[in-house]
Amino acid sequence: MADYLKRLPQAQGIQLAGRNVLPYESTAEFIEAIAPFVDNVSRRDGGG
């Protein structure tokens, strides 16, 4: 992930426990992890 974050200056990354931790593998943890990002984008773009 560090390589992606270094090359994409606007990128954000969060590591979750598990193998791939896709939404269907750990839904509650996935939602909890991405909620702040979604809220931030919604506010910035005038939504929410």
C-alpha atoms as a PDB file:
ATOM      1  CA  MET A   1       0.000   0.000   0.000  1.00  0.00           C
ATOM      2  CA  ALA A   2       2.861   2.391   0.737  1.00  0.00           C
ATOM      3  CA  ASP A   3       3.865   2.349  -2.936  1.00  0.00           C
ATOM      4  CA  TYR A   4       0.331   3.325  -4.040  1.00  0.00           C
ATOM      5  CA  LEU A   5       0.115   6.091  -1.458  1.00  0.00           C
ATOM      6  CA  LYS A   6       3.516   7.446  -2.488  1.00  0.00           C
ATOM      7  CA  ARG A   7       2.615   7.548  -6.187  1.00  0.00           C
ATOM      8  CA  LEU A   8      -0.949   8.839  -5.804  1.00  0.00           C
ATOM      9  CA  PRO A   9      -0.780  12.046  -3.743  1.00  0.00           C
ATOM     10  CA  GLN A  10      -4.551  12.213  -3.175  1.00  0.00           C
ATOM     11  CA  ALA A  11      -4.785   8.547  -2.150  1.00  0.00           C
ATOM     12  CA  GLN A  12      -5.886   7.274   1.233  1.00  0.00           C
ATOM     13  CA  GLY A  13      -5.376   3.762   2.504  1.00  0.00           C
ATOM     14  CA  ILE A  14      -6.567   1.631   5.381  1.00  0.00           C
ATOM     15  CA  GLN A  15      -5.494  -1.920   6.137  1.00  0.00           C
ATOM     16  CA  LEU A  16      -8.073  -4.252   7.629  1.00  0.00           C
ATOM     17  CA  ALA A  17      -7.393  -7.606   9.217  1.00  0.00           C
ATOM     18  CA  GLY A  18      -8.042 -10.567   6.929  1.00  0.00           C
ATOM     19  CA  ARG A  19      -6.963 -11.688   3.502  1.00  0.00           C
ATOM     20  CA  ASN A  20      -8.743  -9.478   0.990  1.00  0.00           C
ATOM     21  CA  VAL A  21     -11.421  -8.005   3.291  1.00  0.00           C
ATOM     22  CA  LEU A  22     -13.863  -7.285   0.544  1.00  0.00           C
ATOM     23  CA  PRO A  23     -17.322  -6.104   1.602  1.00  0.00           C
ATOM     24  CA  TYR A  24     -18.753  -9.608   1.424  1.00  0.00           C
ATOM     25  CA  GLU A  25     -15.988 -11.068   3.607  1.00  0.00           C
ATOM     26  CA  SER A  26     -16.358  -8.675   6.535  1.00  0.00           C
ATOM     27  CA  THR A  27     -19.224  -6.290   5.841  1.00  0.00           C
ATOM     28  CA  ALA A  28     -19.412  -4.512   9.211  1.00  0.00           C
ATOM     29  CA  GLU A  29     -15.665  -3.869   9.390  1.00  0.00           C
ATOM     30  CA  PHE A  30     -15.585  -2.708   5.757  1.00  0.00           C
ATOM     31  CA  ILE A  31     -18.439  -0.235   6.289  1.00  0.00           C
ATOM     32  CA  GLU A  32     -16.858   1.058   9.505  1.00  0.00           C
ATOM     33  CA  ALA A  33     -13.533   1.597   7.731  1.00  0.00           C
ATOM     34  CA  ILE A  34     -14.892   3.418   4.668  1.00  0.00           C
ATOM     35  CA  ALA A  35     -17.607   5.487   6.364  1.00  0.00           C
ATOM     36  CA  PRO A  36     -15.298   8.407   7.267  1.00  0.00           C
ATOM     37  CA  PHE A  37     -14.017   8.556   3.681  1.00  0.00           C
ATOM     38  CA  VAL A  38     -17.542   8.527   2.240  1.00  0.00           C
ATOM     39  CA  ASP A  39     -18.664  11.217   4.694  1.00  0.00           C
ATOM     40  CA  ASN A  40     -15.688  13.393   3.784  1.00  0.00           C
ATOM     41  CA  VAL A  41     -16.286  13.047   0.044  1.00  0.00           C
ATOM     42  CA  SER A  42     -20.013  13.704   0.489  1.00  0.00           C
ATOM     43  CA  ARG A  43     -19.367  16.921   2.431  1.00  0.00           C
ATOM     44  CA  ARG A  44     -16.709  18.110   0.011  1.00  0.00           C
ATOM     45  CA  ASP A  45     -18.967  17.515  -2.989  1.00  0.00           C
ATOM     46  CA  GLY A  46     -21.996  19.127  -1.374  1.00  0.00           C
ATOM     47  CA  GLY A  47     -23.865  15.914  -0.622  1.00  0.00           C
ATOM     48  CA  GLY A  48     -25.018  14.400   2.639  1.00  0.00           C
END
